[in-house]
Amino acid sequence: MLNNIGLPGLLLIAVVVLVLFGRGKISSLMGEVGKGITAFKKGVKDSNDELEDQSAETAKDVTPETEKDKA
């Protein structure tokens, strides 16, 4: 059913949503969506940083003793 909406159908839906909710409500809603996406990206980045920090702490130094003395 949703496979054959097309561009005219999407435009009609957009106009109906605009009429129902108004420009101000839609712009504030899109602002909230943007904040949510930003918070999600920040959470993913923080999680990745935390995992990298944990893996760095558990990493072992496998350099031979003779090589350590040269550095």
PDB file of N, CA and C in Angstrom:
ATOM      1  N   MET A   1       0.812  -1.187   0.000  1.00  0.00           N
ATOM      2  CA  MET A   1       0.000   0.000   0.000  1.00  0.00           C
ATOM      3  C   MET A   1       0.867   1.266   0.000  1.00  0.00           C
ATOM      4  N   LEU A   2       1.909   1.299   0.815  1.00  0.00           N
ATOM      5  CA  LEU A   2       2.754   2.482   0.892  1.00  0.00           C
ATOM      6  C   LEU A   2       3.800   2.527  -0.219  1.00  0.00           C
ATOM      7  N   ASN A   3       3.910   1.492  -0.994  1.00  0.00           N
ATOM      8  CA  ASN A   3       4.932   1.448  -2.041  1.00  0.00           C
ATOM      9  C   ASN A   3       4.625   2.384  -3.201  1.00  0.00           C
ATOM     10  N   ASN A   4       3.367   2.709  -3.456  1.00  0.00           N
ATOM     11  CA  ASN A   4       3.023   3.490  -4.644  1.00  0.00           C
ATOM     12  C   ASN A   4       2.443   4.866  -4.289  1.00  0.00           C
ATOM     13  N   ILE A   5       2.941   5.512  -3.238  1.00  0.00           N
ATOM     14  CA  ILE A   5       2.447   6.840  -2.867  1.00  0.00           C
ATOM     15  C   ILE A   5       2.912   7.864  -3.896  1.00  0.00           C
ATOM     16  N   GLY A   6       4.200   7.921  -4.164  1.00  0.00           N
ATOM     17  CA  GLY A   6       4.732   8.851  -5.147  1.00  0.00           C
ATOM     18  C   GLY A   6       4.868  10.261  -4.618  1.00  0.00           C
ATOM     19  N   LEU A   7       5.389  11.140  -5.450  1.00  0.00           N
ATOM     20  CA  LEU A   7       5.631  12.525  -5.061  1.00  0.00           C
ATOM     21  C   LEU A   7       4.343  13.307  -4.809  1.00  0.00           C
ATOM     22  N   PRO A   8       3.317  13.184  -5.659  1.00  0.00           N
ATOM     23  CA  PRO A   8       2.079  13.933  -5.365  1.00  0.00           C
ATOM     24  C   PRO A   8       1.444  13.530  -4.037  1.00  0.00           C
ATOM     25  N   GLY A   9       1.504  12.274  -3.706  1.00  0.00           N
ATOM     26  CA  GLY A   9       0.947  11.812  -2.432  1.00  0.00           C
ATOM     27  C   GLY A   9       1.718  12.361  -1.249  1.00  0.00           C
ATOM     28  N   LEU A  10       3.049  12.383  -1.361  1.00  0.00           N
ATOM     29  CA  LEU A  10       3.865  12.935  -0.283  1.00  0.00           C
ATOM     30  C   LEU A  10       3.612  14.425  -0.103  1.00  0.00           C
ATOM     31  N   LEU A  11       3.452  15.144  -1.206  1.00  0.00           N
ATOM     32  CA  LEU A  11       3.149  16.573  -1.119  1.00  0.00           C
ATOM     33  C   LEU A  11       1.788  16.808  -0.457  1.00  0.00           C
ATOM     34  N   LEU A  12       0.821  15.993  -0.796  1.00  0.00           N
ATOM     35  CA  LEU A  12      -0.501  16.106  -0.189  1.00  0.00           C
ATOM     36  C   LEU A  12      -0.437  15.849   1.310  1.00  0.00           C
ATOM     37  N   ILE A  13       0.297  14.843   1.712  1.00  0.00           N
ATOM     38  CA  ILE A  13       0.461  14.539   3.138  1.00  0.00           C
ATOM     39  C   ILE A  13       1.139  15.703   3.847  1.00  0.00           C
ATOM     40  N   ALA A  14       2.177  16.284   3.228  1.00  0.00           N
ATOM     41  CA  ALA A  14       2.886  17.409   3.829  1.00  0.00           C
ATOM     42  C   ALA A  14       1.964  18.610   4.008  1.00  0.00           C
ATOM     43  N   VAL A  15       1.125  18.881   3.025  1.00  0.00           N
ATOM     44  CA  VAL A  15       0.191  20.007   3.114  1.00  0.00           C
ATOM     45  C   VAL A  15      -0.831  19.762   4.217  1.00  0.00           C
ATOM     46  N   VAL A  16      -1.343  18.557   4.317  1.00  0.00           N
ATOM     47  CA  VAL A  16      -2.331  18.242   5.356  1.00  0.00           C
ATOM     48  C   VAL A  16      -1.703  18.384   6.742  1.00  0.00           C
ATOM     49  N   VAL A  17      -0.488  17.898   6.914  1.00  0.00           N
ATOM     50  CA  VAL A  17       0.195  18.017   8.206  1.00  0.00           C
ATOM     51  C   VAL A  17       0.429  19.486   8.541  1.00  0.00           C
ATOM     52  N   LEU A  18       0.825  20.273   7.548  1.00  0.00           N
ATOM     53  CA  LEU A  18       1.048  21.702   7.766  1.00  0.00           C
ATOM     54  C   LEU A  18      -0.234  22.412   8.175  1.00  0.00           C
ATOM     55  N   VAL A  19      -1.335  22.066   7.547  1.00  0.00           N
ATOM     56  CA  VAL A  19      -2.616  22.694   7.885  1.00  0.00           C
ATOM     57  C   VAL A  19      -3.068  22.275   9.282  1.00  0.00           C
ATOM     58  N   LEU A  20      -2.894  21.011   9.620  1.00  0.00           N
ATOM     59  CA  LEU A  20      -3.350  20.520  10.921  1.00  0.00           C
ATOM     60  C   LEU A  20      -2.545  21.089  12.086  1.00  0.00           C
ATOM     61  N   PHE A  21      -1.234  21.118  11.944  1.00  0.00           N
ATOM     62  CA  PHE A  21      -0.388  21.487  13.069  1.00  0.00           C
ATOM     63  C   PHE A  21       0.107  22.927  13.018  1.00  0.00           C
ATOM     64  N   GLY A  22       0.169  23.524  11.876  1.00  0.00           N
ATOM     65  CA  GLY A  22       0.668  24.889  11.770  1.00  0.00           C
ATOM     66  C   GLY A  22       2.179  24.938  11.670  1.00  0.00           C
ATOM     67  N   ARG A  23       2.665  26.041  11.109  1.00  0.00           N
ATOM     68  CA  ARG A  23       4.092  26.170  10.860  1.00  0.00           C
ATOM     69  C   ARG A  23       4.895  26.225  12.155  1.00  0.00           C
ATOM     70  N   GLY A  24       4.406  26.925  13.157  1.00  0.00           N
ATOM     71  CA  GLY A  24       5.138  27.066  14.418  1.00  0.00           C
ATOM     72  C   GLY A  24       5.318  25.747  15.137  1.00  0.00           C
ATOM     73  N   LYS A  25       4.256  24.958  15.180  1.00  0.00           N
ATOM     74  CA  LYS A  25       4.325  23.668  15.876  1.00  0.00           C
ATOM     75  C   LYS A  25       5.287  22.715  15.156  1.00  0.00           C
ATOM     76  N   ILE A  26       5.250  22.726  13.834  1.00  0.00           N
ATOM     77  CA  ILE A  26       6.125  21.835  13.071  1.00  0.00           C
ATOM     78  C   ILE A  26       7.583  22.245  13.235  1.00  0.00           C
ATOM     79  N   SER A  27       7.864  23.555  13.219  1.00  0.00           N
ATOM     80  CA  SER A  27       9.249  23.994  13.372  1.00  0.00           C
ATOM     81  C   SER A  27       9.788  23.660  14.763  1.00  0.00           C
ATOM     82  N   SER A  28       8.962  23.795  15.786  1.00  0.00           N
ATOM     83  CA  SER A  28       9.415  23.434  17.131  1.00  0.00           C
ATOM     84  C   SER A  28       9.610  21.919  17.249  1.00  0.00           C
ATOM     85  N   LEU A  29       8.752  21.165  16.587  1.00  0.00           N
ATOM     86  CA  LEU A  29       8.893  19.710  16.591  1.00  0.00           C
ATOM     87  C   LEU A  29      10.181  19.288  15.892  1.00  0.00           C
ATOM     88  N   MET A  30      10.494  19.926  14.764  1.00  0.00           N
ATOM     89  CA  MET A  30      11.725  19.594  14.054  1.00  0.00           C
ATOM     90  C   MET A  30      12.957  19.998  14.871  1.00  0.00           C
ATOM     91  N   GLY A  31      12.834  21.090  15.630  1.00  0.00           N
ATOM     92  CA  GLY A  31      13.925  21.484  16.527  1.00  0.00           C
ATOM     93  C   GLY A  31      14.178  20.428  17.588  1.00  0.00           C
ATOM     94  N   GLU A  32      13.111  19.881  18.133  1.00  0.00           N
ATOM     95  CA  GLU A  32      13.244  18.818  19.132  1.00  0.00           C
ATOM     96  C   GLU A  32      13.830  17.550  18.518  1.00  0.00           C
ATOM     97  N   VAL A  33      13.432  17.240  17.292  1.00  0.00           N
ATOM     98  CA  VAL A  33      13.997  16.073  16.602  1.00  0.00           C
ATOM     99  C   VAL A  33      15.496  16.269  16.398  1.00  0.00           C
ATOM    100  N   GLY A  34      15.894  17.472  16.006  1.00  0.00           N
ATOM    101  CA  GLY A  34      17.317  17.773  15.827  1.00  0.00           C
ATOM    102  C   GLY A  34      18.100  17.627  17.121  1.00  0.00           C
ATOM    103  N   LYS A  35      17.525  18.100  18.230  1.00  0.00           N
ATOM    104  CA  LYS A  35      18.183  17.957  19.528  1.00  0.00           C
ATOM    105  C   LYS A  35      18.315  16.481  19.907  1.00  0.00           C
ATOM    106  N   GLY A  36      17.285  15.709  19.593  1.00  0.00           N
ATOM    107  CA  GLY A  36      17.338  14.280  19.894  1.00  0.00           C
ATOM    108  C   GLY A  36      18.403  13.562  19.097  1.00  0.00           C
ATOM    109  N   ILE A  37      18.520  13.908  17.824  1.00  0.00           N
ATOM    110  CA  ILE A  37      19.554  13.294  16.987  1.00  0.00           C
ATOM    111  C   ILE A  37      20.938  13.668  17.495  1.00  0.00           C
ATOM    112  N   THR A  38      21.110  14.940  17.878  1.00  0.00           N
ATOM    113  CA  THR A  38      22.397  15.391  18.405  1.00  0.00           C
ATOM    114  C   THR A  38      22.742  14.654  19.693  1.00  0.00           C
ATOM    115  N   ALA A  39      21.770  14.491  20.575  1.00  0.00           N
ATOM    116  CA  ALA A  39      22.006  13.774  21.833  1.00  0.00           C
ATOM    117  C   ALA A  39      22.338  12.306  21.571  1.00  0.00           C
ATOM    118  N   PHE A  40      21.674  11.709  20.599  1.00  0.00           N
ATOM    119  CA  PHE A  40      21.953  10.312  20.263  1.00  0.00           C
ATOM    120  C   PHE A  40      23.380  10.156  19.745  1.00  0.00           C
ATOM    121  N   LYS A  41      23.788  11.051  18.841  1.00  0.00           N
ATOM    122  CA  LYS A  41      25.148  10.986  18.291  1.00  0.00           C
ATOM    123  C   LYS A  41      26.185  11.185  19.389  1.00  0.00           C
ATOM    124  N   LYS A  42      25.906  12.114  20.323  1.00  0.00           N
ATOM    125  CA  LYS A  42      26.828  12.356  21.423  1.00  0.00           C
ATOM    126  C   LYS A  42      26.934  11.117  22.313  1.00  0.00           C
ATOM    127  N   GLY A  43      25.808  10.466  22.567  1.00  0.00           N
ATOM    128  CA  GLY A  43      25.818   9.254  23.377  1.00  0.00           C
ATOM    129  C   GLY A  43      26.599   8.127  22.727  1.00  0.00           C
ATOM    130  N   VAL A  44      26.441   7.974  21.424  1.00  0.00           N
ATOM    131  CA  VAL A  44      27.184   6.934  20.706  1.00  0.00           C
ATOM    132  C   VAL A  44      28.677   7.234  20.750  1.00  0.00           C
ATOM    133  N   LYS A  45      29.038   8.504  20.550  1.00  0.00           N
ATOM    134  CA  LYS A  45      30.454   8.889  20.567  1.00  0.00           C
ATOM    135  C   LYS A  45      31.045   8.670  21.953  1.00  0.00           C
ATOM    136  N   ASP A  46      30.312   9.057  23.000  1.00  0.00           N
ATOM    137  CA  ASP A  46      30.797   8.857  24.362  1.00  0.00           C
ATOM    138  C   ASP A  46      30.969   7.376  24.676  1.00  0.00           C
ATOM    139  N   SER A  47      30.050   6.565  24.195  1.00  0.00           N
ATOM    140  CA  SER A  47      30.135   5.123  24.416  1.00  0.00           C
ATOM    141  C   SER A  47      31.358   4.545  23.719  1.00  0.00           C
ATOM    142  N   ASN A  48      31.581   4.968  22.469  1.00  0.00           N
ATOM    143  CA  ASN A  48      32.759   4.492  21.743  1.00  0.00           C
ATOM    144  C   ASN A  48      34.047   4.934  22.423  1.00  0.00           C
ATOM    145  N   ASP A  49      34.091   6.180  22.903  1.00  0.00           N
ATOM    146  CA  ASP A  49      35.275   6.673  23.609  1.00  0.00           C
ATOM    147  C   ASP A  49      35.522   5.873  24.878  1.00  0.00           C
ATOM    148  N   GLU A  50      34.446   5.550  25.593  1.00  0.00           N
ATOM    149  CA  GLU A  50      34.574   4.773  26.825  1.00  0.00           C
ATOM    150  C   GLU A  50      35.105   3.374  26.530  1.00  0.00           C
ATOM    151  N   LEU A  51      34.611   2.748  25.476  1.00  0.00           N
ATOM    152  CA  LEU A  51      35.099   1.419  25.107  1.00  0.00           C
ATOM    153  C   LEU A  51      36.560   1.457  24.695  1.00  0.00           C
ATOM    154  N   GLU A  52      36.966   2.500  23.964  1.00  0.00           N
ATOM    155  CA  GLU A  52      38.361   2.630  23.563  1.00  0.00           C
ATOM    156  C   GLU A  52      39.249   2.845  24.778  1.00  0.00           C
ATOM    157  N   ASP A  53      38.792   3.629  25.754  1.00  0.00           N
ATOM    158  CA  ASP A  53      39.569   3.845  26.963  1.00  0.00           C
ATOM    159  C   ASP A  53      39.744   2.544  27.743  1.00  0.00           C
ATOM    160  N   GLN A  54      38.672   1.749  27.831  1.00  0.00           N
ATOM    161  CA  GLN A  54      38.758   0.483  28.546  1.00  0.00           C
ATOM    162  C   GLN A  54      39.711  -0.473  27.849  1.00  0.00           C
ATOM    163  N   SER A  55      39.662  -0.506  26.516  1.00  0.00           N
ATOM    164  CA  SER A  55      40.552  -1.412  25.799  1.00  0.00           C
ATOM    165  C   SER A  55      41.993  -0.935  25.888  1.00  0.00           C
ATOM    166  N   ALA A  56      42.218   0.373  25.973  1.00  0.00           N
ATOM    167  CA  ALA A  56      43.575   0.900  26.115  1.00  0.00           C
ATOM    168  C   ALA A  56      44.141   0.555  27.492  1.00  0.00           C
ATOM    169  N   GLU A  57      43.291   0.548  28.508  1.00  0.00           N
ATOM    170  CA  GLU A  57      43.749   0.227  29.858  1.00  0.00           C
ATOM    171  C   GLU A  57      44.125  -1.246  29.982  1.00  0.00           C
ATOM    172  N   THR A  58      43.418  -2.108  29.281  1.00  0.00           N
ATOM    173  CA  THR A  58      43.681  -3.535  29.392  1.00  0.00           C
ATOM    174  C   THR A  58      44.730  -4.017  28.402  1.00  0.00           C
ATOM    175  N   ALA A  59      45.207  -3.132  27.527  1.00  0.00           N
ATOM    176  CA  ALA A  59      46.216  -3.533  26.542  1.00  0.00           C
ATOM    177  C   ALA A  59      47.535  -3.817  27.253  1.00  0.00           C
ATOM    178  N   LYS A  60      48.224  -4.836  26.769  1.00  0.00           N
ATOM    179  CA  LYS A  60      49.503  -5.215  27.353  1.00  0.00           C
ATOM    180  C   LYS A  60      50.635  -4.688  26.484  1.00  0.00           C
ATOM    181  N   ASP A  61      51.727  -4.336  27.117  1.00  0.00           N
ATOM    182  CA  ASP A  61      52.923  -3.921  26.396  1.00  0.00           C
ATOM    183  C   ASP A  61      53.723  -5.186  26.105  1.00  0.00           C
ATOM    184  N   VAL A  62      53.831  -5.536  24.823  1.00  0.00           N
ATOM    185  CA  VAL A  62      54.521  -6.770  24.439  1.00  0.00           C
ATOM    186  C   VAL A  62      55.893  -6.495  23.850  1.00  0.00           C
ATOM    187  N   THR A  63      56.396  -5.286  24.056  1.00  0.00           N
ATOM    188  CA  THR A  63      57.718  -4.938  23.543  1.00  0.00           C
ATOM    189  C   THR A  63      58.763  -5.714  24.345  1.00  0.00           C
ATOM    190  N   PRO A  64      59.722  -6.334  23.679  1.00  0.00           N
ATOM    191  CA  PRO A  64      60.779  -7.047  24.415  1.00  0.00           C
ATOM    192  C   PRO A  64      61.563  -6.078  25.315  1.00  0.00           C
ATOM    193  N   GLU A  65      62.107  -6.606  26.388  1.00  0.00           N
ATOM    194  CA  GLU A  65      62.820  -5.780  27.373  1.00  0.00           C
ATOM    195  C   GLU A  65      63.990  -5.034  26.734  1.00  0.00           C
ATOM    196  N   THR A  66      64.667  -5.639  25.795  1.00  0.00           N
ATOM    197  CA  THR A  66      65.807  -4.974  25.172  1.00  0.00           C
ATOM    198  C   THR A  66      65.374  -3.766  24.352  1.00  0.00           C
ATOM    199  N   GLU A  67      64.201  -3.828  23.749  1.00  0.00           N
ATOM    200  CA  GLU A  67      63.679  -2.715  22.977  1.00  0.00           C
ATOM    201  C   GLU A  67      63.227  -1.577  23.890  1.00  0.00           C
ATOM    202  N   LYS A  68      62.721  -1.909  25.072  1.00  0.00           N
ATOM    203  CA  LYS A  68      62.272  -0.895  26.023  1.00  0.00           C
ATOM    204  C   LYS A  68      63.439  -0.052  26.516  1.00  0.00           C
ATOM    205  N   ASP A  69      64.586  -0.708  26.702  1.00  0.00           N
ATOM    206  CA  ASP A  69      65.757  -0.001  27.208  1.00  0.00           C
ATOM    207  C   ASP A  69      66.268   1.032  26.199  1.00  0.00           C
ATOM    208  N   LYS A  70      66.111   0.768  24.907  1.00  0.00           N
ATOM    209  CA  LYS A  70      66.593   1.688  23.870  1.00  0.00           C
ATOM    210  C   LYS A  70      65.738   2.945  23.798  1.00  0.00           C
ATOM    211  N   ALA A  71      64.458   2.841  24.119  1.00  0.00           N
ATOM    212  CA  ALA A  71      63.552   3.978  23.971  1.00  0.00           C
ATOM    213  C   ALA A  71      63.643   4.968  25.067  1.00  0.00           C
TER     214      ALA A  71
END
